[in-house]
Amino acid sequence: MQDYIAFAQKKNIVLLDTGKCQFCGASTKRGIHECIKIFNLDIGIDVSKLQNHIFKFLIVDAHALQHPEIHGRWSNHFHLTRLHLIIKYDINWTYKMSSKLSNHLNIYKSKKQHEVLLPPETMQRGLITSTDILEKPKNPSETKEWVKKWAWSTYDSWSANHKVVDVIAHQFLNNSL
């Protein structure tokens, strides 16, 4: 991830240092900075194991989509499309597929240069946040279930954009797999 502070400054976004995360509403004490720190913690799932890679994708997508202000605008297309493929098409995602999706989106965006996915309002980007993932599960099995719920909840909050990413998903499936 690029430097989120510099990216926010470039977009004239003031990042709050206290209270809840201003974007997802996570119950933090140091705002977005704590939310990012939690995102980078080991939450008890060994994502280096092949069978757990999916949880890394779900975590990254959920977190990115809950904080679109600190990412580039095409990030939303990538993360929402990947969640769409995982959730709606039951794709067993791999790292290799991520690079293929990125390449596919480069072609797509050359034809849709002005397309923007409008994010849900801040604090309305899913019912589960990073602090829930850190605090609520009691063991790795529960953590996996919470991560799935987090991804689903975040995905559902972006429902206004599902038709757009379904077009991208269909093109990707027809051309890349």
Protein backbone atom coordinates (compact mmCIF):
# COMPACT_ATOMS: atom_id res chain seq x y z
CA MET A 1 0.00 0.00 0.00
CA GLN A 2 1.34 3.41 -0.85
CA ASP A 3 1.84 5.91 1.97
CA TYR A 4 -1.75 6.59 3.01
CA ILE A 5 -0.86 9.83 4.81
CA ALA A 6 0.80 11.33 1.72
CA PHE A 7 -2.06 10.09 -0.44
CA ALA A 8 -4.63 11.74 1.86
CA GLN A 9 -2.67 15.00 1.83
CA LYS A 10 -2.56 14.91 -1.96
CA LYS A 11 -6.36 14.60 -1.95
CA ASN A 12 -6.75 17.31 0.73
CA ILE A 13 -8.20 14.85 3.23
CA VAL A 14 -7.54 15.59 6.88
CA LEU A 15 -6.85 12.37 8.77
CA LEU A 16 -8.18 12.45 12.31
CA ASP A 17 -5.79 11.35 15.06
CA THR A 18 -8.35 10.64 17.75
CA GLY A 19 -11.59 8.74 18.18
CA LYS A 20 -13.26 6.28 15.83
CA CYS A 21 -11.93 5.66 12.36
CA GLN A 22 -13.46 8.44 10.29
CA PHE A 23 -14.03 6.12 7.33
CA CYS A 24 -15.25 2.75 8.63
CA GLY A 25 -16.33 3.69 12.15
CA ALA A 26 -14.05 1.17 13.88
CA SER A 27 -13.92 1.71 17.63
CA THR A 28 -10.38 3.02 17.67
CA LYS A 29 -8.81 5.62 19.94
CA ARG A 30 -6.40 7.00 17.32
CA GLY A 31 -8.66 7.09 14.27
CA ILE A 32 -7.55 5.82 10.88
CA HIS A 33 -3.96 5.40 12.07
CA GLU A 34 -4.99 2.75 14.59
CA CYS A 35 -7.28 1.14 12.00
CA ILE A 36 -4.29 0.80 9.63
CA LYS A 37 -2.14 -0.58 12.45
CA ILE A 38 -4.76 -3.22 13.27
CA PHE A 39 -4.96 -4.13 9.58
CA ASN A 40 -1.24 -4.92 9.66
CA LEU A 41 -1.35 -7.07 12.81
CA ASP A 42 -1.20 -10.84 12.97
CA ILE A 43 -4.80 -11.78 13.79
CA GLY A 44 -4.16 -15.44 14.40
CA ILE A 45 -4.57 -16.88 10.90
CA ASP A 46 -1.41 -18.16 9.24
CA VAL A 47 -2.02 -16.63 5.82
CA SER A 48 1.25 -18.05 4.52
CA LYS A 49 -0.47 -21.44 4.31
CA LEU A 50 -2.08 -22.08 0.94
CA GLN A 51 -5.45 -23.02 2.46
CA ASN A 52 -5.52 -19.66 4.30
CA HIS A 53 -4.57 -17.37 1.40
CA ILE A 54 -8.25 -16.60 0.84
CA PHE A 55 -8.43 -14.90 4.23
CA LYS A 56 -5.65 -12.49 3.28
CA PHE A 57 -7.57 -11.52 0.14
CA LEU A 58 -10.80 -11.04 2.12
CA ILE A 59 -9.04 -8.92 4.76
CA VAL A 60 -7.28 -6.73 2.20
CA ASP A 61 -10.44 -6.23 0.12
CA ALA A 62 -12.68 -5.46 3.10
CA HIS A 63 -10.21 -3.00 4.58
CA ALA A 64 -9.49 -1.25 1.26
CA LEU A 65 -13.20 -0.88 0.47
CA GLN A 66 -13.90 0.55 3.92
CA HIS A 67 -11.17 3.17 3.37
CA PRO A 68 -11.38 4.21 -0.31
CA GLU A 69 -10.33 7.77 0.49
CA ILE A 70 -6.75 6.64 1.13
CA HIS A 71 -6.40 4.58 -2.05
CA GLY A 72 -6.46 5.35 -5.76
CA ARG A 73 -9.87 5.36 -7.43
CA TRP A 74 -9.19 2.17 -9.44
CA SER A 75 -8.46 0.36 -6.19
CA ASN A 76 -12.22 0.17 -5.62
CA HIS A 77 -12.69 -1.60 -8.96
CA PHE A 78 -10.00 -4.13 -8.14
CA HIS A 79 -11.06 -4.96 -4.58
CA LEU A 80 -14.80 -4.98 -5.24
CA THR A 81 -14.39 -7.09 -8.38
CA ARG A 82 -12.20 -9.58 -6.54
CA LEU A 83 -14.74 -9.85 -3.71
CA HIS A 84 -17.49 -10.23 -6.30
CA LEU A 85 -15.65 -13.10 -7.97
CA ILE A 86 -14.99 -14.79 -4.63
CA ILE A 87 -18.47 -14.26 -3.16
CA LYS A 88 -20.80 -14.45 -6.16
CA TYR A 89 -18.86 -16.84 -8.40
CA ASP A 90 -17.23 -18.92 -5.67
CA ILE A 91 -13.81 -18.52 -7.25
CA ASN A 92 -10.99 -20.10 -5.26
CA TRP A 93 -8.77 -17.03 -5.54
CA THR A 94 -4.98 -17.21 -5.92
CA TYR A 95 -2.19 -14.66 -6.00
CA LYS A 96 -1.69 -15.42 -9.70
CA MET A 97 -5.30 -14.40 -10.35
CA SER A 98 -4.69 -11.04 -8.67
CA SER A 99 -2.06 -10.08 -11.23
CA LYS A 100 -4.37 -11.27 -14.03
CA LEU A 101 -7.22 -9.17 -12.64
CA SER A 102 -4.91 -6.17 -12.39
CA ASN A 103 -3.88 -6.61 -16.04
CA HIS A 104 -7.52 -7.05 -17.04
CA LEU A 105 -8.46 -3.84 -15.22
CA ASN A 106 -5.69 -1.94 -17.01
CA ILE A 107 -7.35 -2.83 -20.32
CA TYR A 108 -10.83 -2.11 -18.93
CA LYS A 109 -9.92 1.31 -17.57
CA SER A 110 -8.36 2.35 -20.90
CA LYS A 111 -11.90 2.10 -22.30
CA LYS A 112 -13.69 3.51 -19.23
CA GLN A 113 -11.31 6.27 -18.17
CA HIS A 114 -13.95 8.35 -16.43
CA GLU A 115 -15.76 5.56 -14.61
CA VAL A 116 -15.88 5.94 -10.84
CA LEU A 117 -17.36 3.58 -8.28
CA LEU A 118 -19.08 5.72 -5.70
CA PRO A 119 -18.40 4.42 -2.20
CA PRO A 120 -21.08 4.13 0.44
CA GLU A 121 -21.18 6.97 2.96
CA THR A 122 -18.47 6.91 5.58
CA MET A 123 -19.38 4.79 8.61
CA GLN A 124 -21.82 2.84 6.39
CA ARG A 125 -19.36 0.51 4.70
CA GLY A 126 -20.28 -2.67 6.49
CA LEU A 127 -21.36 -3.72 9.94
CA ILE A 128 -17.98 -5.25 10.86
CA THR A 129 -14.67 -3.38 11.13
CA SER A 130 -11.04 -4.10 11.94
CA THR A 131 -11.60 -3.71 15.68
CA ASP A 132 -14.29 -6.39 15.58
CA ILE A 133 -11.82 -8.78 13.92
CA LEU A 134 -9.25 -7.99 16.59
CA GLU A 135 -11.56 -8.18 19.62
CA LYS A 136 -14.45 -10.61 19.04
CA PRO A 137 -13.07 -13.97 17.82
CA LYS A 138 -11.64 -16.28 20.49
CA ASN A 139 -9.65 -18.65 18.25
CA PRO A 140 -8.43 -19.00 14.64
CA SER A 141 -11.60 -20.79 13.53
CA GLU A 142 -13.79 -17.96 14.83
CA THR A 143 -11.43 -15.41 13.30
CA LYS A 144 -11.91 -17.01 9.89
CA GLU A 145 -15.69 -16.80 10.28
CA TRP A 146 -15.47 -13.14 11.35
CA VAL A 147 -13.24 -12.33 8.37
CA LYS A 148 -15.79 -13.91 6.02
CA LYS A 149 -18.59 -11.89 7.64
CA TRP A 150 -16.48 -8.73 7.39
CA ALA A 151 -15.88 -9.27 3.68
CA TRP A 152 -19.57 -10.07 3.01
CA SER A 153 -20.78 -7.08 5.02
CA THR A 154 -18.39 -4.72 3.26
CA TYR A 155 -19.26 -6.20 -0.13
CA ASP A 156 -22.99 -5.77 0.56
CA SER A 157 -22.49 -2.11 1.50
CA TRP A 158 -21.18 -1.49 -2.03
CA SER A 159 -24.30 -2.98 -3.66
CA ALA A 160 -24.91 0.12 -5.80
CA ASN A 161 -21.78 -0.86 -7.76
CA HIS A 162 -22.39 -4.60 -8.12
CA LYS A 163 -23.70 -4.33 -11.70
CA VAL A 164 -20.54 -2.57 -12.85
CA VAL A 165 -18.21 -5.10 -11.24
CA ASP A 166 -20.31 -7.97 -12.54
CA VAL A 167 -19.53 -6.79 -16.08
CA ILE A 168 -15.83 -6.70 -15.21
CA ALA A 169 -16.09 -10.13 -13.55
CA HIS A 170 -17.75 -11.68 -16.61
CA GLN A 171 -15.10 -10.25 -18.92
CA PHE A 172 -12.36 -11.48 -16.58
CA LEU A 173 -13.85 -14.98 -16.36
CA ASN A 174 -14.23 -15.19 -20.14
CA ASN A 175 -10.71 -13.96 -20.88
CA SER A 176 -8.51 -14.99 -17.99
CA LEU A 177 -9.47 -18.36 -16.54
